[in-house]
Amino acid sequence: MEFDVVGFLAGQSLIVIAGLGIAFLLLVFNKARLKSKAPKCPKCGLTMVTRIASKGKHEGKPFWGCPNHLKNGCTGFRKK
């Protein structure tokens, strides 16, 4: 069974196409992030993820943050 991508996209709205593009970029970004040599969280031991500081004197700068922050409140971080 073959899938016709062009035919599928021709019948979709611009919002659906943009959403598919964003989902694809996130998938590629997350795969690249998982292959990197990310450190382990000093508090819970999970592999850390790259984040961007949203406030404070380091606003806009990347850092390693714990992926468990929102779920369990882990506050482990490291400078990048």
N, C-alpha and C. Protein backbone atom coordinates (compact mmCIF):
# COMPACT_ATOMS: atom_id res chain seq x y z
N MET A 1 0.85 -1.19 0.00
CA MET A 1 0.00 0.00 0.00
C MET A 1 0.89 1.24 0.00
N GLU A 2 0.66 2.11 -0.95
CA GLU A 2 1.44 3.35 -1.05
C GLU A 2 0.63 4.52 -0.51
N PHE A 3 1.36 5.48 0.05
CA PHE A 3 0.70 6.66 0.59
C PHE A 3 1.11 7.85 -0.27
N ASP A 4 0.14 8.57 -0.82
CA ASP A 4 0.39 9.73 -1.67
C ASP A 4 0.41 10.99 -0.82
N VAL A 5 1.61 11.46 -0.47
CA VAL A 5 1.75 12.62 0.41
C VAL A 5 1.19 13.87 -0.24
N VAL A 6 1.51 14.09 -1.51
CA VAL A 6 1.04 15.30 -2.21
C VAL A 6 -0.48 15.31 -2.28
N GLY A 7 -1.07 14.18 -2.59
CA GLY A 7 -2.53 14.10 -2.65
C GLY A 7 -3.16 14.35 -1.29
N PHE A 8 -2.54 13.84 -0.24
CA PHE A 8 -3.05 14.05 1.11
C PHE A 8 -2.99 15.52 1.49
N LEU A 9 -1.84 16.15 1.24
CA LEU A 9 -1.66 17.56 1.62
C LEU A 9 -2.54 18.49 0.80
N ALA A 10 -2.85 18.12 -0.45
CA ALA A 10 -3.68 18.97 -1.31
C ALA A 10 -5.09 19.12 -0.74
N GLY A 11 -5.55 18.13 -0.01
CA GLY A 11 -6.90 18.19 0.54
C GLY A 11 -6.98 18.76 1.94
N GLN A 12 -5.88 19.25 2.49
CA GLN A 12 -5.85 19.73 3.87
C GLN A 12 -5.81 21.26 3.93
N SER A 13 -6.27 21.81 5.03
CA SER A 13 -6.21 23.25 5.23
C SER A 13 -4.78 23.66 5.59
N LEU A 14 -4.50 24.93 5.48
CA LEU A 14 -3.17 25.46 5.78
C LEU A 14 -2.81 25.23 7.25
N ILE A 15 -3.78 25.28 8.13
CA ILE A 15 -3.53 25.07 9.56
C ILE A 15 -3.08 23.63 9.82
N VAL A 16 -3.72 22.66 9.16
CA VAL A 16 -3.34 21.26 9.32
C VAL A 16 -1.93 21.04 8.80
N ILE A 17 -1.60 21.61 7.65
CA ILE A 17 -0.27 21.47 7.07
C ILE A 17 0.77 22.10 7.98
N ALA A 18 0.48 23.28 8.52
CA ALA A 18 1.42 23.93 9.44
C ALA A 18 1.60 23.09 10.70
N GLY A 19 0.53 22.53 11.21
CA GLY A 19 0.61 21.67 12.41
C GLY A 19 1.45 20.43 12.16
N LEU A 20 1.30 19.84 10.99
CA LEU A 20 2.12 18.67 10.64
C LEU A 20 3.59 19.05 10.54
N GLY A 21 3.86 20.23 9.98
CA GLY A 21 5.24 20.70 9.88
C GLY A 21 5.86 20.93 11.25
N ILE A 22 5.11 21.54 12.14
CA ILE A 22 5.61 21.79 13.49
C ILE A 22 5.83 20.47 14.23
N ALA A 23 4.91 19.53 14.08
CA ALA A 23 5.06 18.23 14.73
C ALA A 23 6.31 17.51 14.21
N PHE A 24 6.57 17.61 12.91
CA PHE A 24 7.76 16.99 12.34
C PHE A 24 9.03 17.63 12.89
N LEU A 25 9.05 18.95 12.97
CA LEU A 25 10.24 19.64 13.51
C LEU A 25 10.48 19.26 14.97
N LEU A 26 9.43 19.17 15.76
CA LEU A 26 9.59 18.77 17.16
C LEU A 26 10.11 17.34 17.27
N LEU A 27 9.64 16.46 16.40
CA LEU A 27 10.12 15.08 16.40
C LEU A 27 11.61 15.03 16.09
N VAL A 28 12.03 15.77 15.06
CA VAL A 28 13.44 15.79 14.69
C VAL A 28 14.27 16.41 15.81
N PHE A 29 13.80 17.51 16.41
CA PHE A 29 14.52 18.18 17.49
C PHE A 29 14.68 17.24 18.68
N ASN A 30 13.61 16.54 19.06
CA ASN A 30 13.68 15.64 20.21
C ASN A 30 14.60 14.46 19.96
N LYS A 31 14.62 13.91 18.74
CA LYS A 31 15.53 12.81 18.43
C LYS A 31 16.97 13.28 18.53
N ALA A 32 17.26 14.49 18.02
CA ALA A 32 18.61 15.02 18.10
C ALA A 32 19.00 15.27 19.55
N ARG A 33 18.06 15.73 20.35
CA ARG A 33 18.34 16.01 21.75
C ARG A 33 18.64 14.72 22.51
N LEU A 34 17.95 13.64 22.18
CA LEU A 34 18.17 12.37 22.86
C LEU A 34 19.52 11.76 22.51
N LYS A 35 20.04 12.04 21.31
CA LYS A 35 21.31 11.48 20.89
C LYS A 35 22.50 12.26 21.46
N SER A 36 22.25 13.43 21.99
CA SER A 36 23.34 14.25 22.51
C SER A 36 23.89 13.66 23.81
N LYS A 37 25.00 14.17 24.23
CA LYS A 37 25.64 13.72 25.46
C LYS A 37 25.13 14.56 26.64
N ALA A 38 23.86 14.44 26.90
CA ALA A 38 23.25 15.21 27.98
C ALA A 38 23.66 14.64 29.33
N PRO A 39 23.93 15.51 30.31
CA PRO A 39 24.29 15.03 31.65
C PRO A 39 23.07 14.49 32.39
N LYS A 40 23.32 13.81 33.47
CA LYS A 40 22.25 13.30 34.33
C LYS A 40 21.89 14.38 35.36
N CYS A 41 20.65 14.40 35.77
CA CYS A 41 20.20 15.35 36.78
C CYS A 41 20.89 15.03 38.10
N PRO A 42 21.47 16.05 38.76
CA PRO A 42 22.15 15.79 40.03
C PRO A 42 21.21 15.41 41.17
N LYS A 43 19.90 15.67 41.00
CA LYS A 43 18.95 15.37 42.07
C LYS A 43 18.21 14.05 41.89
N CYS A 44 17.79 13.75 40.63
CA CYS A 44 16.98 12.54 40.44
C CYS A 44 17.60 11.54 39.47
N GLY A 45 18.65 11.91 38.75
CA GLY A 45 19.35 10.98 37.88
C GLY A 45 18.82 10.83 36.47
N LEU A 46 17.74 11.53 36.10
CA LEU A 46 17.23 11.45 34.73
C LEU A 46 18.15 12.21 33.78
N THR A 47 18.11 11.85 32.50
CA THR A 47 18.87 12.57 31.49
C THR A 47 18.26 13.95 31.30
N MET A 48 19.07 14.97 31.42
CA MET A 48 18.58 16.34 31.37
C MET A 48 18.28 16.77 29.94
N VAL A 49 17.47 17.83 29.79
CA VAL A 49 17.10 18.38 28.49
C VAL A 49 17.53 19.84 28.43
N THR A 50 17.71 20.34 27.21
CA THR A 50 18.10 21.74 27.01
C THR A 50 16.87 22.63 27.18
N ARG A 51 17.03 23.67 27.94
CA ARG A 51 15.97 24.66 28.13
C ARG A 51 16.56 26.05 27.93
N ILE A 52 15.68 27.03 27.79
CA ILE A 52 16.10 28.42 27.64
C ILE A 52 15.54 29.20 28.82
N ALA A 53 16.41 29.94 29.51
CA ALA A 53 15.97 30.74 30.67
C ALA A 53 14.98 31.80 30.20
N SER A 54 13.85 31.91 30.88
CA SER A 54 12.81 32.86 30.47
C SER A 54 12.80 34.14 31.29
N LYS A 55 13.57 34.16 32.38
CA LYS A 55 13.62 35.38 33.20
C LYS A 55 14.90 35.40 34.01
N GLY A 56 15.15 36.51 34.64
CA GLY A 56 16.35 36.64 35.44
C GLY A 56 17.53 37.15 34.63
N LYS A 57 18.70 37.16 35.25
CA LYS A 57 19.87 37.72 34.57
C LYS A 57 20.39 36.81 33.46
N HIS A 58 19.94 35.56 33.42
CA HIS A 58 20.35 34.62 32.38
C HIS A 58 19.28 34.44 31.31
N GLU A 59 18.33 35.36 31.24
CA GLU A 59 17.23 35.27 30.30
C GLU A 59 17.75 35.09 28.87
N GLY A 60 17.18 34.10 28.16
CA GLY A 60 17.55 33.84 26.77
C GLY A 60 18.73 32.90 26.60
N LYS A 61 19.38 32.51 27.69
CA LYS A 61 20.54 31.64 27.61
C LYS A 61 20.13 30.18 27.86
N PRO A 62 20.76 29.23 27.14
CA PRO A 62 20.42 27.82 27.34
C PRO A 62 21.03 27.25 28.61
N PHE A 63 20.37 26.26 29.17
CA PHE A 63 20.89 25.53 30.33
C PHE A 63 20.31 24.12 30.31
N TRP A 64 20.92 23.22 31.06
CA TRP A 64 20.39 21.86 31.20
C TRP A 64 19.37 21.87 32.32
N GLY A 65 18.17 21.37 32.05
CA GLY A 65 17.13 21.31 33.07
C GLY A 65 16.58 19.90 33.19
N CYS A 66 16.05 19.58 34.33
CA CYS A 66 15.50 18.26 34.57
C CYS A 66 14.14 18.13 33.87
N PRO A 67 13.90 17.03 33.13
CA PRO A 67 12.60 16.84 32.49
C PRO A 67 11.50 16.53 33.50
N ASN A 68 11.88 16.24 34.73
CA ASN A 68 10.95 15.90 35.80
C ASN A 68 10.46 17.14 36.55
N HIS A 69 10.83 18.33 36.07
CA HIS A 69 10.52 19.56 36.80
C HIS A 69 9.02 19.78 36.97
N LEU A 70 8.27 19.68 35.89
CA LEU A 70 6.84 19.96 35.98
C LEU A 70 6.07 18.82 36.65
N LYS A 71 6.50 17.60 36.43
CA LYS A 71 5.77 16.44 36.98
C LYS A 71 5.98 16.28 38.48
N ASN A 72 7.24 16.32 38.92
CA ASN A 72 7.55 16.07 40.33
C ASN A 72 8.21 17.23 41.04
N GLY A 73 8.43 18.35 40.34
CA GLY A 73 9.02 19.52 40.96
C GLY A 73 10.52 19.44 41.17
N CYS A 74 11.20 18.54 40.46
CA CYS A 74 12.66 18.43 40.60
C CYS A 74 13.30 19.73 40.11
N THR A 75 14.20 20.26 40.89
CA THR A 75 14.82 21.55 40.56
C THR A 75 16.26 21.42 40.10
N GLY A 76 16.66 20.22 39.67
CA GLY A 76 18.03 20.02 39.21
C GLY A 76 18.31 20.78 37.92
N PHE A 77 19.47 21.46 37.85
CA PHE A 77 19.87 22.15 36.62
C PHE A 77 21.39 22.24 36.58
N ARG A 78 21.92 22.50 35.40
CA ARG A 78 23.35 22.71 35.20
C ARG A 78 23.54 23.76 34.13
N LYS A 79 24.63 24.51 34.24
CA LYS A 79 24.94 25.49 33.19
C LYS A 79 25.38 24.75 31.94
N LYS A 80 25.11 25.33 30.82
CA LYS A 80 25.48 24.71 29.56
C LYS A 80 26.82 25.20 29.10
